[in-house]
C-alpha atoms as a PDB file:
ATOM      1  CA  UNK A   1     -20.069  49.348   4.372  1.00  0.00           C
ATOM      2  CA  UNK A   2     -19.417  52.257   2.834  1.00  0.00           C
ATOM      3  CA  UNK A   3     -16.308  52.643   1.401  1.00  0.00           C
ATOM      4  CA  UNK A   4     -14.414  55.287   3.069  1.00  0.00           C
ATOM      5  CA  UNK A   5     -10.616  55.125   2.003  1.00  0.00           C
ATOM      6  CA  UNK A   6     -10.145  58.218   0.824  1.00  0.00           C
ATOM      7  CA  UNK A   7     -11.169  59.756   3.482  1.00  0.00           C
ATOM      8  CA  UNK A   8      -8.845  57.654   6.020  1.00  0.00           C
ATOM      9  CA  UNK A   9      -5.934  58.719   4.119  1.00  0.00           C
ATOM     10  CA  UNK A  10      -7.209  62.075   4.028  1.00  0.00           C
ATOM     11  CA  UNK A  11      -7.401  62.169   7.806  1.00  0.00           C
ATOM     12  CA  UNK A  12      -4.129  59.973   8.025  1.00  0.00           C
ATOM     13  CA  UNK A  13      -2.440  63.025   5.918  1.00  0.00           C
ATOM     14  CA  UNK A  14      -3.537  65.783   7.906  1.00  0.00           C
ATOM     15  CA  UNK A  15      -2.145  63.789  10.963  1.00  0.00           C
ATOM     16  CA  UNK A  16       1.142  63.628   9.483  1.00  0.00           C
ATOM     17  CA  UNK A  17       1.251  67.405   8.877  1.00  0.00           C
ATOM     18  CA  UNK A  18       0.153  68.064  12.230  1.00  0.00           C
ATOM     19  CA  UNK A  19       2.544  65.753  13.750  1.00  0.00           C
ATOM     20  CA  UNK A  20       5.345  68.019  11.560  1.00  0.00           C
ATOM     21  CA  UNK A  21       3.621  71.349  12.988  1.00  0.00           C
ATOM     22  CA  UNK A  22       4.405  70.154  16.773  1.00  0.00           C
ATOM     23  CA  UNK A  23       7.504  68.762  15.831  1.00  0.00           C
ATOM     24  CA  UNK A  24       8.888  72.328  14.488  1.00  0.00           C
ATOM     25  CA  UNK A  25       7.623  73.835  17.841  1.00  0.00           C
ATOM     26  CA  UNK A  26       9.804  71.382  20.020  1.00  0.00           C
ATOM     27  CA  UNK A  27       6.134  69.262  21.187  1.00  0.00           C
ATOM     28  CA  UNK A  28       8.095  66.041  20.862  1.00  0.00           C
ATOM     29  CA  UNK A  29       5.339  63.359  22.551  1.00  0.00           C
ATOM     30  CA  UNK A  30       2.167  64.919  20.226  1.00  0.00           C
ATOM     31  CA  UNK A  31       4.102  64.401  17.445  1.00  0.00           C
ATOM     32  CA  UNK A  32       4.846  60.693  18.248  1.00  0.00           C
ATOM     33  CA  UNK A  33       0.847  60.207  19.276  1.00  0.00           C
ATOM     34  CA  UNK A  34      -0.223  62.041  16.094  1.00  0.00           C
ATOM     35  CA  UNK A  35       2.020  59.634  13.737  1.00  0.00           C
ATOM     36  CA  UNK A  36       0.812  56.721  14.942  1.00  0.00           C
ATOM     37  CA  UNK A  37      -2.244  57.766  14.305  1.00  0.00           C
ATOM     38  CA  UNK A  38      -1.946  58.527  11.006  1.00  0.00           C
ATOM     39  CA  UNK A  39       0.079  54.906  10.324  1.00  0.00           C
ATOM     40  CA  UNK A  40      -3.316  53.370  11.741  1.00  0.00           C
ATOM     41  CA  UNK A  41      -5.880  55.446   9.986  1.00  0.00           C
ATOM     42  CA  UNK A  42      -3.698  54.796   6.437  1.00  0.00           C
ATOM     43  CA  UNK A  43      -3.895  51.059   7.124  1.00  0.00           C
ATOM     44  CA  UNK A  44      -7.068  51.169   7.957  1.00  0.00           C
ATOM     45  CA  UNK A  45      -7.717  52.841   4.396  1.00  0.00           C
ATOM     46  CA  UNK A  46      -6.220  49.853   3.187  1.00  0.00           C
ATOM     47  CA  UNK A  47      -8.850  47.598   5.011  1.00  0.00           C
ATOM     48  CA  UNK A  48     -11.946  49.728   3.584  1.00  0.00           C
ATOM     49  CA  UNK A  49      -9.975  49.508  -0.155  1.00  0.00           C
ATOM     50  CA  UNK A  50     -10.467  46.304   0.316  1.00  0.00           C
ATOM     51  CA  UNK A  51     -13.751  46.446   1.962  1.00  0.00           C
ATOM     52  CA  UNK A  52     -12.757  44.415   5.491  1.00  0.00           C
ATOM     53  CA  UNK A  53     -13.602  45.559   8.356  1.00  0.00           C
ATOM     54  CA  UNK A  54     -10.632  46.692  10.659  1.00  0.00           C
ATOM     55  CA  UNK A  55     -10.670  46.985  13.804  1.00  0.00           C
ATOM     56  CA  UNK A  56      -8.435  47.834  16.821  1.00  0.00           C
ATOM     57  CA  UNK A  57      -5.903  50.153  17.124  1.00  0.00           C
ATOM     58  CA  UNK A  58      -2.285  48.133  17.025  1.00  0.00           C
ATOM     59  CA  UNK A  59      -0.855  49.152  14.052  1.00  0.00           C
ATOM     60  CA  UNK A  60       1.248  46.445  13.939  1.00  0.00           C
ATOM     61  CA  UNK A  61      -1.790  44.200  14.254  1.00  0.00           C
ATOM     62  CA  UNK A  62      -3.824  45.304  12.172  1.00  0.00           C
ATOM     63  CA  UNK A  63      -0.668  44.999   9.446  1.00  0.00           C
ATOM     64  CA  UNK A  64      -1.075  40.866  10.794  1.00  0.00           C
ATOM     65  CA  UNK A  65      -4.696  40.683   9.484  1.00  0.00           C
ATOM     66  CA  UNK A  66      -3.697  41.818   6.705  1.00  0.00           C
ATOM     67  CA  UNK A  67      -4.202  39.355   3.107  1.00  0.00           C
ATOM     68  CA  UNK A  68      -0.614  37.955   2.596  1.00  0.00           C
ATOM     69  CA  UNK A  69      -0.139  39.748  -0.447  1.00  0.00           C
ATOM     70  CA  UNK A  70      -0.179  43.085   0.863  1.00  0.00           C
END
């Protein structure tokens, strides 16, 4: 598996930037969606750094599968 944690984090940061932009425009559904996407990508970055495959889109589910020390 190719380690891509920095790619996942860059994408998460861009999603948050876009969410902030959409929020300023008064579009509330997109910031919610983009914020969830950013959280998912940030958690997947942790999995990548640990060299563990992450499956699914539930942020809570992904967090539950992280080793206890994280």
